[in-house]
Amino acid sequence: MDLRDLKLFLHLAESQHFGKTAKATYVSPSTLSRQIQRMEDELGQMLFLRDNRTVQLTDAGQQLKSSLKKRYYIISNCVTHWLRKGSRLTVSYVFSVLLPLHIAICRQFSISSGFTS
């Protein structure tokens, strides 16, 4: 999972429409669908309930959206800053294994830093 995947997830979580998200992020609807399915497989959680007409976040999807929303933009801006300097920045971890710990750390960080979601 990378920043692009997180961007797709967050856009779809906001728009709740595969077509709008695909168009806005310059990917085909089928590519978007595969990326979201890959994220769900990697996390071991369904993030969206979908049928032919609607898309809705599951509870796990809502938790992920809440956890990622502010943090995504902070990380994205940091990466953009470093890339402008010609540096290479790699941040990785096994998200599916660390998800419960990630959520707990994010909650604690938010409380101790005065951030609210």
C-alpha atoms as a PDB file:
ATOM      1  CA  MET A   1       0.000   0.000   0.000  1.00  0.00           C
ATOM      2  CA  ASP A   2       1.372   3.420  -0.888  1.00  0.00           C
ATOM      3  CA  LEU A   3       0.317   7.068  -0.789  1.00  0.00           C
ATOM      4  CA  ARG A   4      -1.504   6.728  -4.102  1.00  0.00           C
ATOM      5  CA  ASP A   5      -3.626   3.899  -2.682  1.00  0.00           C
ATOM      6  CA  LEU A   6      -4.443   6.014   0.362  1.00  0.00           C
ATOM      7  CA  LYS A   7      -5.369   8.946  -1.880  1.00  0.00           C
ATOM      8  CA  LEU A   8      -7.742   6.714  -3.874  1.00  0.00           C
ATOM      9  CA  PHE A   9      -9.284   5.364  -0.673  1.00  0.00           C
ATOM     10  CA  LEU A  10      -9.803   8.829   0.824  1.00  0.00           C
ATOM     11  CA  HIS A  11     -11.324  10.232  -2.372  1.00  0.00           C
ATOM     12  CA  LEU A  12     -13.701   7.287  -2.716  1.00  0.00           C
ATOM     13  CA  ALA A  13     -14.609   7.536   0.975  1.00  0.00           C
ATOM     14  CA  GLU A  14     -15.573  11.183   0.419  1.00  0.00           C
ATOM     15  CA  SER A  15     -17.327  10.877  -2.956  1.00  0.00           C
ATOM     16  CA  GLN A  16     -18.815   7.410  -2.402  1.00  0.00           C
ATOM     17  CA  HIS A  17     -18.840   7.083  -6.184  1.00  0.00           C
ATOM     18  CA  PHE A  18     -16.388   4.958  -8.185  1.00  0.00           C
ATOM     19  CA  GLY A  19     -16.914   6.914 -11.412  1.00  0.00           C
ATOM     20  CA  LYS A  20     -16.277  10.333  -9.844  1.00  0.00           C
ATOM     21  CA  THR A  21     -13.202   9.105  -7.989  1.00  0.00           C
ATOM     22  CA  ALA A  22     -11.816   7.362 -11.068  1.00  0.00           C
ATOM     23  CA  LYS A  23     -12.236  10.503 -13.155  1.00  0.00           C
ATOM     24  CA  ALA A  24     -10.775  12.824 -10.497  1.00  0.00           C
ATOM     25  CA  THR A  25      -7.745  10.592  -9.896  1.00  0.00           C
ATOM     26  CA  TYR A  26      -7.122   9.718 -13.566  1.00  0.00           C
ATOM     27  CA  VAL A  27      -7.597   5.954 -13.244  1.00  0.00           C
ATOM     28  CA  SER A  28     -10.164   3.704 -14.863  1.00  0.00           C
ATOM     29  CA  PRO A  29     -13.081   2.530 -12.700  1.00  0.00           C
ATOM     30  CA  SER A  30     -11.859  -1.061 -13.023  1.00  0.00           C
ATOM     31  CA  THR A  31      -8.350  -0.084 -11.877  1.00  0.00           C
ATOM     32  CA  LEU A  32      -9.831   1.803  -8.933  1.00  0.00           C
ATOM     33  CA  SER A  33     -11.983  -1.180  -8.018  1.00  0.00           C
ATOM     34  CA  ARG A  34      -8.954  -3.499  -8.137  1.00  0.00           C
ATOM     35  CA  GLN A  35      -6.862  -1.108  -6.014  1.00  0.00           C
ATOM     36  CA  ILE A  36      -9.578  -0.886  -3.357  1.00  0.00           C
ATOM     37  CA  GLN A  37     -10.012  -4.666  -3.399  1.00  0.00           C
ATOM     38  CA  ARG A  38      -6.242  -5.072  -3.004  1.00  0.00           C
ATOM     39  CA  MET A  39      -6.290  -2.705  -0.008  1.00  0.00           C
ATOM     40  CA  GLU A  40      -9.140  -4.669   1.550  1.00  0.00           C
ATOM     41  CA  ASP A  41      -7.257  -7.924   0.994  1.00  0.00           C
ATOM     42  CA  GLU A  42      -4.073  -6.460   2.450  1.00  0.00           C
ATOM     43  CA  LEU A  43      -5.886  -5.130   5.529  1.00  0.00           C
ATOM     44  CA  GLY A  44      -8.110  -8.171   5.921  1.00  0.00           C
ATOM     45  CA  GLN A  45     -11.130  -5.858   6.252  1.00  0.00           C
ATOM     46  CA  MET A  46     -13.948  -4.769   3.972  1.00  0.00           C
ATOM     47  CA  LEU A  47     -13.698  -1.000   3.673  1.00  0.00           C
ATOM     48  CA  PHE A  48     -16.750  -0.418   1.482  1.00  0.00           C
ATOM     49  CA  LEU A  49     -20.165  -1.968   1.009  1.00  0.00           C
ATOM     50  CA  ARG A  50     -20.928  -1.813  -2.687  1.00  0.00           C
ATOM     51  CA  ASP A  51     -23.541  -2.913  -5.131  1.00  0.00           C
ATOM     52  CA  ASN A  52     -24.341  -1.832  -8.679  1.00  0.00           C
ATOM     53  CA  ARG A  53     -25.710   1.528  -7.551  1.00  0.00           C
ATOM     54  CA  THR A  54     -24.205   2.565  -4.206  1.00  0.00           C
ATOM     55  CA  VAL A  55     -20.939   2.677  -2.272  1.00  0.00           C
ATOM     56  CA  GLN A  56     -20.851   3.041   1.522  1.00  0.00           C
ATOM     57  CA  LEU A  57     -18.064   2.894   4.077  1.00  0.00           C
ATOM     58  CA  THR A  58     -18.093  -0.014   6.503  1.00  0.00           C
ATOM     59  CA  ASP A  59     -17.250   0.633  10.160  1.00  0.00           C
ATOM     60  CA  ALA A  60     -13.654  -0.403   9.414  1.00  0.00           C
ATOM     61  CA  GLY A  61     -13.612   1.950   6.418  1.00  0.00           C
ATOM     62  CA  GLN A  62     -14.922   4.809   8.549  1.00  0.00           C
ATOM     63  CA  GLN A  63     -12.236   4.167  11.186  1.00  0.00           C
ATOM     64  CA  LEU A  64      -9.528   4.094   8.540  1.00  0.00           C
ATOM     65  CA  LYS A  65     -10.842   7.291   6.946  1.00  0.00           C
ATOM     66  CA  SER A  66     -10.892   9.079  10.302  1.00  0.00           C
ATOM     67  CA  SER A  67      -7.412   7.860  11.158  1.00  0.00           C
ATOM     68  CA  LEU A  68      -5.884   8.702   7.788  1.00  0.00           C
ATOM     69  CA  LYS A  69      -7.583  11.923   6.748  1.00  0.00           C
ATOM     70  CA  LYS A  70      -5.343  14.499   8.454  1.00  0.00           C
ATOM     71  CA  ARG A  71      -2.306  12.257   8.564  1.00  0.00           C
ATOM     72  CA  TYR A  72      -2.384  11.599   4.814  1.00  0.00           C
ATOM     73  CA  TYR A  73      -2.089  15.292   3.991  1.00  0.00           C
ATOM     74  CA  ILE A  74       0.705  15.792   6.527  1.00  0.00           C
ATOM     75  CA  ILE A  75       2.676  12.845   5.109  1.00  0.00           C
ATOM     76  CA  SER A  76       1.934  13.857   1.520  1.00  0.00           C
ATOM     77  CA  ASN A  77       3.188  17.397   2.160  1.00  0.00           C
ATOM     78  CA  CYS A  78       6.305  16.036   3.867  1.00  0.00           C
ATOM     79  CA  VAL A  79       7.055  13.736   0.944  1.00  0.00           C
ATOM     80  CA  THR A  80       6.470  16.564  -1.540  1.00  0.00           C
ATOM     81  CA  HIS A  81       8.860  18.788   0.430  1.00  0.00           C
ATOM     82  CA  TRP A  82      11.612  16.141   0.439  1.00  0.00           C
ATOM     83  CA  LEU A  83      11.138  15.269  -3.218  1.00  0.00           C
ATOM     84  CA  ARG A  84      11.523  18.922  -4.159  1.00  0.00           C
ATOM     85  CA  LYS A  85      14.911  18.859  -2.457  1.00  0.00           C
ATOM     86  CA  GLY A  86      15.913  15.922  -4.650  1.00  0.00           C
ATOM     87  CA  SER A  87      15.975  13.539  -1.701  1.00  0.00           C
ATOM     88  CA  ARG A  88      14.512  10.080  -1.524  1.00  0.00           C
ATOM     89  CA  LEU A  89      12.198   9.218   1.344  1.00  0.00           C
ATOM     90  CA  THR A  90      10.916   5.707   1.944  1.00  0.00           C
ATOM     91  CA  VAL A  91       8.461   4.970   4.733  1.00  0.00           C
ATOM     92  CA  SER A  92       7.063   1.481   4.945  1.00  0.00           C
ATOM     93  CA  TYR A  93       5.578  -1.005   7.346  1.00  0.00           C
ATOM     94  CA  VAL A  94       3.179  -3.931   7.204  1.00  0.00           C
ATOM     95  CA  PHE A  95      -0.068  -2.029   7.632  1.00  0.00           C
ATOM     96  CA  SER A  96      -2.343  -5.053   8.020  1.00  0.00           C
ATOM     97  CA  VAL A  97      -0.266  -6.501  10.853  1.00  0.00           C
ATOM     98  CA  LEU A  98       0.131  -3.191  12.643  1.00  0.00           C
ATOM     99  CA  LEU A  99      -3.384  -1.785  12.122  1.00  0.00           C
ATOM    100  CA  PRO A 100      -4.580  -2.252  15.739  1.00  0.00           C
ATOM    101  CA  LEU A 101      -1.314  -0.825  17.072  1.00  0.00           C
ATOM    102  CA  HIS A 102      -1.442   1.978  14.483  1.00  0.00           C
ATOM    103  CA  ILE A 103      -4.934   2.982  15.605  1.00  0.00           C
ATOM    104  CA  ALA A 104      -3.941   2.932  19.285  1.00  0.00           C
ATOM    105  CA  ILE A 105      -0.801   4.987  18.642  1.00  0.00           C
ATOM    106  CA  CYS A 106      -2.713   7.486  16.503  1.00  0.00           C
ATOM    107  CA  ARG A 107      -5.341   7.903  19.216  1.00  0.00           C
ATOM    108  CA  GLN A 108      -2.672   8.396  21.878  1.00  0.00           C
ATOM    109  CA  PHE A 109      -0.728  10.802  19.658  1.00  0.00           C
ATOM    110  CA  SER A 110      -3.897  12.774  18.926  1.00  0.00           C
ATOM    111  CA  ILE A 111      -4.727  13.050  22.629  1.00  0.00           C
ATOM    112  CA  SER A 112      -1.202  13.976  23.726  1.00  0.00           C
ATOM    113  CA  SER A 113      -0.758  16.472  20.882  1.00  0.00           C
ATOM    114  CA  GLY A 114      -4.164  18.082  21.233  1.00  0.00           C
ATOM    115  CA  PHE A 115      -5.378  16.926  17.800  1.00  0.00           C
ATOM    116  CA  THR A 116      -9.012  15.992  17.348  1.00  0.00           C
ATOM    117  CA  SER A 117     -10.652  14.126  14.517  1.00  0.00           C
END
